[in-house]
Every structure is written in C-alpha cells, then in structure tokens.
Amino acid sequence: MVEQGRSYASREHVVGATTVVVLSGEVDILATTALTARLDEITGARRPDLVLDVREVTFIDCCGMSMLCRTRRRVEAKAGRLRLAGVADSPSVLRLLRLTGLLPAFDLCLDPDPDAAPGLTAEPKPDDGRSYTHTEGGGHPAAPDTPSDTAVA
C-alpha cells in the first residue's frame, strides 16, 4: 500500500541469499531519491542476489529507469545477480523498457519468491524487446508500434 503523502512504497524480504524488493506506485524522482541509498546498500554486498518486483508499479519515469540501470551496473560489478519480476504485469515498466531498448538488458523472472519456484522461473526474453504479430497470407511479421505507410483495406 502506498503511504499517505508518498506516491510510492517499497517493502523487502529475504529468502535464502536473495533479497526481494517489491516496488509499488510511482517510481519517479521522489521515489528514486528515497530508494537509491537502500539499493546501494544491498548492491554493495559481495555477489548480491536481488529481485526487484515491479508488478505493482503504476508509473516509471527516466529517473526510475536510471535507478534500475544503476542497480544493474552495481550488481554486475560485484558479480551478482539482478532479476526483474512482474514486468509483464506492469504496463508502464514494460512500455518504458521497450521504448528505451533496455528490455533485453535485464533478466526477467515470473515469480519474485525464490521458494515459490526453485531457481526462479525465467520469463522468455525477446530478441529486440518488441512483440510481433503474424500477418495473414504469409507476409512478414510487423511490429505493432511501427507506423506503416500502406493502407489496409
């Protein structure tokens, strides 16, 4: 639940060696200012194992995206592991990851709780971050967000 006066919330729990941080609400400059110190603490450990659950995120801006990228870089520098859970359940996060081309840069998982699914089940990772639709008649697949200069009758 989002606390009064704040447009975001976070909670965390540890399962084995994995820290799961659940983000909710709006991940903007206000949220990142408050969350960065805690994420730096977690990612400062040797070989951090971190899951960021974003399924309850309703909005994310460039500051939130920067926080995700910073967290990813810090985890990689310590030879750790970062996974994003619930990306498919958060249209705003999924959209921004796709628009920025960063979707393939993150490991995605279906379940944020390592005990619920041993080893965390990985979400399929698209090659280029776009979803494609099949066209009738054997034509080439088209990206749904790509403008077309041909009319369909």
N, C-alpha and C. Protein backbone atom coordinates (compact mmCIF):
# COMPACT_ATOMS: atom_id res chain seq x y z
N MET A 1 0.84 -1.18 0.00
CA MET A 1 0.00 0.00 0.00
C MET A 1 0.88 1.24 0.00
N VAL A 2 0.46 2.25 -0.72
CA VAL A 2 1.19 3.50 -0.81
C VAL A 2 0.85 4.35 0.41
N GLU A 3 1.90 4.82 1.11
CA GLU A 3 1.69 5.61 2.31
C GLU A 3 1.15 6.99 1.96
N GLN A 4 0.38 7.58 2.87
CA GLN A 4 -0.17 8.90 2.66
C GLN A 4 0.97 9.91 2.50
N GLY A 5 0.86 10.79 1.52
CA GLY A 5 1.89 11.78 1.27
C GLY A 5 2.99 11.29 0.34
N ARG A 6 3.04 10.01 0.05
CA ARG A 6 4.03 9.44 -0.86
C ARG A 6 3.30 8.72 -1.98
N SER A 7 3.86 8.83 -3.16
CA SER A 7 3.24 8.19 -4.31
C SER A 7 3.86 6.83 -4.62
N TYR A 8 4.73 6.36 -3.74
CA TYR A 8 5.41 5.09 -3.95
C TYR A 8 5.55 4.38 -2.62
N ALA A 9 5.89 3.13 -2.69
CA ALA A 9 6.19 2.35 -1.49
C ALA A 9 7.16 1.25 -1.89
N SER A 10 7.87 0.75 -0.90
CA SER A 10 8.72 -0.41 -1.14
C SER A 10 8.72 -1.25 0.13
N ARG A 11 8.85 -2.52 -0.07
CA ARG A 11 9.00 -3.44 1.06
C ARG A 11 9.96 -4.52 0.59
N GLU A 12 10.60 -5.13 1.54
CA GLU A 12 11.57 -6.15 1.15
C GLU A 12 11.54 -7.31 2.12
N HIS A 13 11.97 -8.44 1.61
CA HIS A 13 12.16 -9.62 2.44
C HIS A 13 13.31 -10.44 1.85
N VAL A 14 13.86 -11.28 2.67
CA VAL A 14 15.00 -12.08 2.26
C VAL A 14 14.58 -13.54 2.26
N VAL A 15 14.89 -14.22 1.17
CA VAL A 15 14.63 -15.65 1.05
C VAL A 15 15.96 -16.31 0.71
N GLY A 16 16.49 -17.03 1.67
CA GLY A 16 17.83 -17.62 1.48
C GLY A 16 18.84 -16.49 1.35
N ALA A 17 19.55 -16.47 0.24
CA ALA A 17 20.53 -15.42 -0.02
C ALA A 17 19.99 -14.33 -0.94
N THR A 18 18.70 -14.42 -1.30
CA THR A 18 18.10 -13.48 -2.24
C THR A 18 17.30 -12.42 -1.50
N THR A 19 17.56 -11.16 -1.84
CA THR A 19 16.76 -10.06 -1.32
C THR A 19 15.71 -9.71 -2.37
N VAL A 20 14.44 -9.71 -1.96
CA VAL A 20 13.34 -9.35 -2.85
C VAL A 20 12.82 -7.99 -2.41
N VAL A 21 12.88 -7.02 -3.32
CA VAL A 21 12.36 -5.68 -3.04
C VAL A 21 11.14 -5.47 -3.93
N VAL A 22 9.99 -5.24 -3.29
CA VAL A 22 8.74 -5.02 -4.01
C VAL A 22 8.53 -3.52 -4.10
N LEU A 23 8.47 -3.01 -5.33
CA LEU A 23 8.22 -1.60 -5.57
C LEU A 23 6.76 -1.43 -5.97
N SER A 24 6.15 -0.34 -5.50
CA SER A 24 4.76 -0.09 -5.90
C SER A 24 4.52 1.40 -6.03
N GLY A 25 3.50 1.73 -6.80
CA GLY A 25 3.16 3.13 -7.02
C GLY A 25 4.00 3.75 -8.12
N GLU A 26 4.35 5.03 -7.93
CA GLU A 26 5.07 5.79 -8.94
C GLU A 26 6.57 5.81 -8.63
N VAL A 27 7.35 5.25 -9.55
CA VAL A 27 8.80 5.24 -9.40
C VAL A 27 9.34 6.42 -10.21
N ASP A 28 9.41 7.56 -9.53
CA ASP A 28 9.85 8.81 -10.15
C ASP A 28 11.01 9.39 -9.35
N ILE A 29 11.31 10.66 -9.53
CA ILE A 29 12.46 11.27 -8.85
C ILE A 29 12.31 11.21 -7.33
N LEU A 30 11.11 11.38 -6.82
CA LEU A 30 10.88 11.30 -5.37
C LEU A 30 11.19 9.90 -4.85
N ALA A 31 10.71 8.89 -5.55
CA ALA A 31 10.95 7.51 -5.14
C ALA A 31 12.42 7.14 -5.25
N THR A 32 13.05 7.51 -6.36
CA THR A 32 14.44 7.12 -6.55
C THR A 32 15.36 7.80 -5.53
N THR A 33 15.04 9.02 -5.16
CA THR A 33 15.84 9.71 -4.14
C THR A 33 15.81 8.93 -2.83
N ALA A 34 14.64 8.42 -2.49
CA ALA A 34 14.50 7.67 -1.24
C ALA A 34 15.03 6.24 -1.35
N LEU A 35 14.91 5.60 -2.49
CA LEU A 35 15.26 4.19 -2.64
C LEU A 35 16.73 3.93 -2.98
N THR A 36 17.40 4.88 -3.57
CA THR A 36 18.76 4.66 -4.05
C THR A 36 19.72 4.24 -2.93
N ALA A 37 19.63 4.88 -1.77
CA ALA A 37 20.54 4.53 -0.67
C ALA A 37 20.36 3.07 -0.25
N ARG A 38 19.12 2.61 -0.15
CA ARG A 38 18.89 1.22 0.25
C ARG A 38 19.36 0.25 -0.83
N LEU A 39 19.09 0.56 -2.09
CA LEU A 39 19.54 -0.32 -3.17
C LEU A 39 21.06 -0.33 -3.25
N ASP A 40 21.71 0.81 -2.98
CA ASP A 40 23.17 0.84 -2.95
C ASP A 40 23.71 -0.04 -1.83
N GLU A 41 23.02 -0.04 -0.70
CA GLU A 41 23.43 -0.88 0.43
C GLU A 41 23.35 -2.37 0.04
N ILE A 42 22.24 -2.74 -0.58
CA ILE A 42 22.04 -4.13 -0.99
C ILE A 42 23.08 -4.53 -2.05
N THR A 43 23.28 -3.66 -3.04
CA THR A 43 24.19 -4.00 -4.14
C THR A 43 25.66 -3.79 -3.78
N GLY A 44 25.94 -3.26 -2.61
CA GLY A 44 27.31 -3.11 -2.16
C GLY A 44 27.89 -4.39 -1.58
N ALA A 45 27.05 -5.35 -1.32
CA ALA A 45 27.50 -6.63 -0.77
C ALA A 45 28.25 -7.43 -1.83
N ARG A 46 29.03 -8.38 -1.38
CA ARG A 46 29.74 -9.27 -2.31
C ARG A 46 28.73 -10.21 -2.95
N ARG A 47 28.75 -10.29 -4.27
CA ARG A 47 27.86 -11.16 -5.04
C ARG A 47 26.38 -11.00 -4.64
N PRO A 48 25.83 -9.80 -4.75
CA PRO A 48 24.43 -9.61 -4.35
C PRO A 48 23.48 -10.40 -5.24
N ASP A 49 22.43 -10.90 -4.64
CA ASP A 49 21.37 -11.60 -5.37
C ASP A 49 20.09 -10.83 -5.07
N LEU A 50 19.59 -10.12 -6.07
CA LEU A 50 18.49 -9.18 -5.88
C LEU A 50 17.39 -9.40 -6.89
N VAL A 51 16.16 -9.41 -6.40
CA VAL A 51 14.98 -9.42 -7.27
C VAL A 51 14.21 -8.14 -7.00
N LEU A 52 13.95 -7.37 -8.05
CA LEU A 52 13.09 -6.20 -7.94
C LEU A 52 11.74 -6.57 -8.54
N ASP A 53 10.71 -6.59 -7.70
CA ASP A 53 9.37 -6.94 -8.15
C ASP A 53 8.66 -5.64 -8.52
N VAL A 54 8.36 -5.46 -9.80
CA VAL A 54 7.77 -4.22 -10.30
C VAL A 54 6.30 -4.36 -10.69
N ARG A 55 5.69 -5.48 -10.34
CA ARG A 55 4.31 -5.72 -10.80
C ARG A 55 3.32 -4.68 -10.27
N GLU A 56 3.62 -4.02 -9.14
CA GLU A 56 2.71 -3.02 -8.57
C GLU A 56 3.10 -1.59 -8.94
N VAL A 57 4.08 -1.43 -9.82
CA VAL A 57 4.49 -0.10 -10.26
C VAL A 57 3.46 0.40 -11.27
N THR A 58 2.90 1.58 -10.99
CA THR A 58 1.87 2.16 -11.87
C THR A 58 2.44 3.19 -12.82
N PHE A 59 3.63 3.71 -12.50
CA PHE A 59 4.27 4.73 -13.33
C PHE A 59 5.77 4.67 -13.08
N ILE A 60 6.55 4.84 -14.14
CA ILE A 60 8.00 4.93 -14.01
C ILE A 60 8.49 5.95 -15.02
N ASP A 61 9.40 6.82 -14.58
CA ASP A 61 9.95 7.82 -15.49
C ASP A 61 11.44 7.56 -15.70
N CYS A 62 12.12 8.53 -16.32
CA CYS A 62 13.54 8.34 -16.63
C CYS A 62 14.38 8.21 -15.36
N CYS A 63 13.97 8.85 -14.27
CA CYS A 63 14.72 8.70 -13.00
C CYS A 63 14.60 7.27 -12.48
N GLY A 64 13.41 6.70 -12.59
CA GLY A 64 13.21 5.31 -12.18
C GLY A 64 14.00 4.35 -13.05
N MET A 65 14.01 4.62 -14.35
CA MET A 65 14.77 3.78 -15.27
C MET A 65 16.26 3.90 -14.98
N SER A 66 16.71 5.10 -14.67
CA SER A 66 18.11 5.30 -14.32
C SER A 66 18.48 4.52 -13.06
N MET A 67 17.56 4.49 -12.09
CA MET A 67 17.78 3.73 -10.86
C MET A 67 17.92 2.24 -11.17
N LEU A 68 17.08 1.72 -12.05
CA LEU A 68 17.16 0.31 -12.43
C LEU A 68 18.50 0.02 -13.11
N CYS A 69 18.93 0.90 -14.00
CA CYS A 69 20.20 0.69 -14.71
C CYS A 69 21.38 0.80 -13.76
N ARG A 70 21.33 1.74 -12.83
CA ARG A 70 22.41 1.89 -11.84
C ARG A 70 22.50 0.63 -10.98
N THR A 71 21.34 0.14 -10.56
CA THR A 71 21.31 -1.07 -9.74
C THR A 71 21.89 -2.25 -10.52
N ARG A 72 21.54 -2.36 -11.78
CA ARG A 72 22.06 -3.44 -12.63
C ARG A 72 23.58 -3.36 -12.75
N ARG A 73 24.10 -2.15 -13.00
CA ARG A 73 25.55 -1.98 -13.13
C ARG A 73 26.28 -2.34 -11.83
N ARG A 74 25.72 -1.93 -10.70
CA ARG A 74 26.35 -2.21 -9.41
C ARG A 74 26.37 -3.71 -9.12
N VAL A 75 25.26 -4.38 -9.45
CA VAL A 75 25.19 -5.84 -9.23
C VAL A 75 26.22 -6.55 -10.12
N GLU A 76 26.29 -6.16 -11.38
CA GLU A 76 27.25 -6.79 -12.29
C GLU A 76 28.69 -6.54 -11.85
N ALA A 77 28.98 -5.35 -11.31
CA ALA A 77 30.34 -5.04 -10.85
C ALA A 77 30.76 -5.92 -9.68
N LYS A 78 29.78 -6.41 -8.91
CA LYS A 78 30.06 -7.27 -7.76
C LYS A 78 29.83 -8.75 -8.09
N ALA A 79 29.70 -9.07 -9.38
CA ALA A 79 29.48 -10.44 -9.85
C ALA A 79 28.23 -11.05 -9.23
N GLY A 80 27.20 -10.22 -9.09
CA GLY A 80 25.95 -10.69 -8.50
C GLY A 80 24.89 -10.96 -9.56
N ARG A 81 23.66 -10.99 -9.10
CA ARG A 81 22.54 -11.31 -9.99
C ARG A 81 21.37 -10.39 -9.67
N LEU A 82 20.81 -9.77 -10.71
CA LEU A 82 19.62 -8.93 -10.59
C LEU A 82 18.56 -9.46 -11.53
N ARG A 83 17.36 -9.65 -10.98
CA ARG A 83 16.23 -10.05 -11.81
C ARG A 83 15.07 -9.10 -11.57
N LEU A 84 14.31 -8.81 -12.64
CA LEU A 84 13.09 -8.03 -12.52
C LEU A 84 11.92 -9.00 -12.58
N ALA A 85 11.03 -8.90 -11.61
CA ALA A 85 9.84 -9.76 -11.58
C ALA A 85 8.62 -8.91 -11.87
N GLY A 86 7.67 -9.49 -12.57
CA GLY A 86 6.39 -8.84 -12.81
C GLY A 86 6.39 -7.79 -13.90
N VAL A 87 7.38 -7.76 -14.76
CA VAL A 87 7.43 -6.76 -15.83
C VAL A 87 6.20 -6.87 -16.72
N ALA A 88 5.78 -8.07 -17.03
CA ALA A 88 4.61 -8.27 -17.89
C ALA A 88 3.32 -7.79 -17.22
N ASP A 89 3.32 -7.68 -15.89
CA ASP A 89 2.14 -7.23 -15.15
C ASP A 89 2.13 -5.73 -14.91
N SER A 90 3.17 -5.04 -15.32
CA SER A 90 3.27 -3.59 -15.15
C SER A 90 3.42 -2.93 -16.52
N PRO A 91 2.30 -2.53 -17.13
CA PRO A 91 2.38 -1.95 -18.47
C PRO A 91 3.32 -0.75 -18.58
N SER A 92 3.41 0.07 -17.55
CA SER A 92 4.27 1.25 -17.63
C SER A 92 5.75 0.85 -17.65
N VAL A 93 6.14 -0.12 -16.85
CA VAL A 93 7.54 -0.58 -16.83
C VAL A 93 7.86 -1.28 -18.15
N LEU A 94 6.99 -2.17 -18.58
CA LEU A 94 7.21 -2.89 -19.84
C LEU A 94 7.34 -1.91 -21.00
N ARG A 95 6.46 -0.93 -21.06
CA ARG A 95 6.47 0.04 -22.16
C ARG A 95 7.79 0.83 -22.17
N LEU A 96 8.22 1.32 -21.01
CA LEU A 96 9.45 2.11 -20.97
C LEU A 96 10.69 1.27 -21.28
N LEU A 97 10.72 0.03 -20.80
CA LEU A 97 11.84 -0.86 -21.14
C LEU A 97 11.89 -1.11 -22.65
N ARG A 98 10.74 -1.27 -23.26
CA ARG A 98 10.69 -1.48 -24.71
C ARG A 98 11.10 -0.22 -25.47
N LEU A 99 10.54 0.93 -25.07
CA LEU A 99 10.84 2.18 -25.78
C LEU A 99 12.31 2.55 -25.70
N THR A 100 12.94 2.26 -24.59
CA THR A 100 14.35 2.60 -24.42
C THR A 100 15.28 1.53 -24.99
N GLY A 101 14.72 0.40 -25.37
CA GLY A 101 15.54 -0.70 -25.88
C GLY A 101 16.27 -1.46 -24.78
N LEU A 102 15.86 -1.25 -23.52
CA LEU A 102 16.55 -1.88 -22.40
C LEU A 102 15.94 -3.21 -21.95
N LEU A 103 14.86 -3.62 -22.55
CA LEU A 103 14.23 -4.88 -22.14
C LEU A 103 15.21 -6.05 -22.19
N PRO A 104 15.99 -6.21 -23.25
CA PRO A 104 16.92 -7.33 -23.28
C PRO A 104 18.08 -7.22 -22.27
N ALA A 105 18.28 -6.05 -21.71
CA ALA A 105 19.40 -5.85 -20.78
C ALA A 105 19.13 -6.43 -19.40
N PHE A 106 17.88 -6.72 -19.09
CA PHE A 106 17.52 -7.21 -17.77
C PHE A 106 17.09 -8.67 -17.82
N ASP A 107 17.46 -9.42 -16.78
CA ASP A 107 16.94 -10.77 -16.61
C ASP A 107 15.55 -10.64 -16.00
N LEU A 108 14.59 -11.31 -16.60
CA LEU A 108 13.21 -11.25 -16.14
C LEU A 108 12.84 -12.57 -15.49
N CYS A 109 12.00 -12.52 -14.46
CA CYS A 109 11.51 -13.74 -13.85
C CYS A 109 10.02 -13.62 -13.61
N LEU A 110 9.35 -14.75 -13.58
CA LEU A 110 7.90 -14.78 -13.42
C LEU A 110 7.49 -14.63 -11.96
N ASP A 111 8.23 -15.24 -11.06
CA ASP A 111 7.84 -15.27 -9.65
C ASP A 111 8.94 -14.63 -8.82
N PRO A 112 8.61 -13.60 -8.03
CA PRO A 112 9.64 -12.92 -7.25
C PRO A 112 10.13 -13.71 -6.04
N ASP A 113 9.44 -14.77 -5.67
CA ASP A 113 9.79 -15.52 -4.48
C ASP A 113 10.57 -16.78 -4.85
N PRO A 114 11.85 -16.83 -4.53
CA PRO A 114 12.66 -18.00 -4.91
C PRO A 114 12.12 -19.31 -4.35
N ASP A 115 11.42 -19.28 -3.20
CA ASP A 115 10.88 -20.51 -2.65
C ASP A 115 9.66 -21.01 -3.43
N ALA A 116 8.95 -20.10 -4.08
CA ALA A 116 7.75 -20.48 -4.82
C ALA A 116 8.11 -21.25 -6.09
N ALA A 117 9.24 -20.92 -6.68
CA ALA A 117 9.69 -21.60 -7.90
C ALA A 117 11.20 -21.78 -7.78
N PRO A 118 11.66 -23.00 -7.55
CA PRO A 118 13.09 -23.22 -7.36
C PRO A 118 13.91 -22.61 -8.49
N GLY A 119 14.89 -21.80 -8.12
CA GLY A 119 15.76 -21.18 -9.11
C GLY A 119 15.14 -20.02 -9.86
N LEU A 120 13.93 -19.65 -9.56
CA LEU A 120 13.17 -18.61 -10.24
C LEU A 120 12.98 -18.95 -11.71
N THR A 121 11.78 -19.09 -12.11
CA THR A 121 11.45 -19.39 -13.49
C THR A 121 11.68 -18.15 -14.32
N ALA A 122 12.44 -18.25 -15.38
CA ALA A 122 12.75 -17.10 -16.22
C ALA A 122 11.64 -16.86 -17.22
N GLU A 123 11.32 -15.58 -17.43
CA GLU A 123 10.39 -15.20 -18.49
C GLU A 123 11.13 -15.29 -19.80
N PRO A 124 10.43 -15.62 -20.88
CA PRO A 124 11.09 -15.60 -22.17
C PRO A 124 11.58 -14.18 -22.47
N LYS A 125 12.78 -14.07 -23.00
CA LYS A 125 13.38 -12.78 -23.27
C LYS A 125 13.34 -12.52 -24.76
N PRO A 126 12.60 -11.49 -25.20
CA PRO A 126 12.55 -11.21 -26.64
C PRO A 126 13.91 -10.76 -27.15
N ASP A 127 14.18 -11.04 -28.43
CA ASP A 127 15.47 -10.69 -29.01
C ASP A 127 15.69 -9.19 -29.06
N ASP A 128 14.67 -8.43 -29.45
CA ASP A 128 14.87 -7.00 -29.61
C ASP A 128 13.93 -6.17 -28.75
N GLY A 129 13.20 -6.79 -27.85
CA GLY A 129 12.32 -6.05 -26.97
C GLY A 129 10.98 -5.69 -27.56
N ARG A 130 10.69 -6.14 -28.77
CA ARG A 130 9.40 -5.84 -29.39
C ARG A 130 8.59 -7.11 -29.52
N SER A 131 7.27 -6.95 -29.46
CA SER A 131 6.42 -8.09 -29.74
C SER A 131 5.95 -7.98 -31.19
N TYR A 132 5.81 -9.11 -31.82
CA TYR A 132 5.43 -9.13 -33.22
C TYR A 132 4.11 -9.86 -33.40
N THR A 133 3.40 -9.46 -34.42
CA THR A 133 2.16 -10.14 -34.75
C THR A 133 2.32 -10.78 -36.12
N HIS A 134 1.72 -11.95 -36.27
CA HIS A 134 1.77 -12.66 -37.54
C HIS A 134 0.76 -12.06 -38.49
N THR A 135 1.15 -11.86 -39.74
CA THR A 135 0.22 -11.33 -40.73
C THR A 135 -0.34 -12.47 -41.56
N GLU A 136 -1.56 -12.31 -41.98
CA GLU A 136 -2.20 -13.33 -42.81
C GLU A 136 -1.54 -13.40 -44.18
N GLY A 137 -1.59 -14.53 -44.79
CA GLY A 137 -1.10 -14.71 -46.15
C GLY A 137 0.40 -14.90 -46.25
N GLY A 138 1.04 -15.21 -45.12
CA GLY A 138 2.47 -15.50 -45.18
C GLY A 138 3.36 -14.28 -45.28
N GLY A 139 2.82 -13.09 -45.01
CA GLY A 139 3.64 -11.89 -45.07
C GLY A 139 4.62 -11.84 -43.92
N HIS A 140 5.42 -10.82 -43.91
CA HIS A 140 6.40 -10.63 -42.84
C HIS A 140 5.72 -10.17 -41.57
N PRO A 141 6.23 -10.56 -40.43
CA PRO A 141 5.68 -10.06 -39.19
C PRO A 141 5.93 -8.56 -39.07
N ALA A 142 5.02 -7.87 -38.41
CA ALA A 142 5.14 -6.43 -38.26
C ALA A 142 5.09 -6.06 -36.79
N ALA A 143 5.91 -5.12 -36.40
CA ALA A 143 5.87 -4.63 -35.04
C ALA A 143 4.64 -3.75 -34.89
N PRO A 144 3.82 -3.97 -33.85
CA PRO A 144 2.55 -3.25 -33.72
C PRO A 144 2.73 -1.76 -33.51
N ASP A 145 3.84 -1.27 -33.00
CA ASP A 145 4.02 0.14 -32.74
C ASP A 145 4.74 0.86 -33.89
N THR A 146 5.07 0.12 -34.95
CA THR A 146 5.78 0.71 -36.07
C THR A 146 4.78 1.28 -37.06
N PRO A 147 4.92 2.57 -37.41
CA PRO A 147 3.98 3.16 -38.37
C PRO A 147 4.14 2.49 -39.73
N SER A 148 3.03 2.41 -40.42
CA SER A 148 3.03 1.78 -41.74
C SER A 148 2.62 2.81 -42.76
N ASP A 149 3.24 2.80 -43.93
CA ASP A 149 2.87 3.74 -44.96
C ASP A 149 1.96 3.08 -46.01
N THR A 150 1.42 1.92 -45.71
CA THR A 150 0.48 1.26 -46.60
C THR A 150 -0.86 1.13 -45.90
N ALA A 151 -1.89 1.35 -46.64
CA ALA A 151 -3.24 1.25 -46.08
C ALA A 151 -3.74 -0.18 -46.22
N VAL A 152 -4.51 -0.63 -45.25
CA VAL A 152 -5.11 -1.96 -45.29
C VAL A 152 -6.59 -1.80 -45.56
N ALA A 153 -7.07 -2.48 -46.58
CA ALA A 153 -8.50 -2.36 -46.94
C ALA A 153 -9.33 -3.36 -46.22
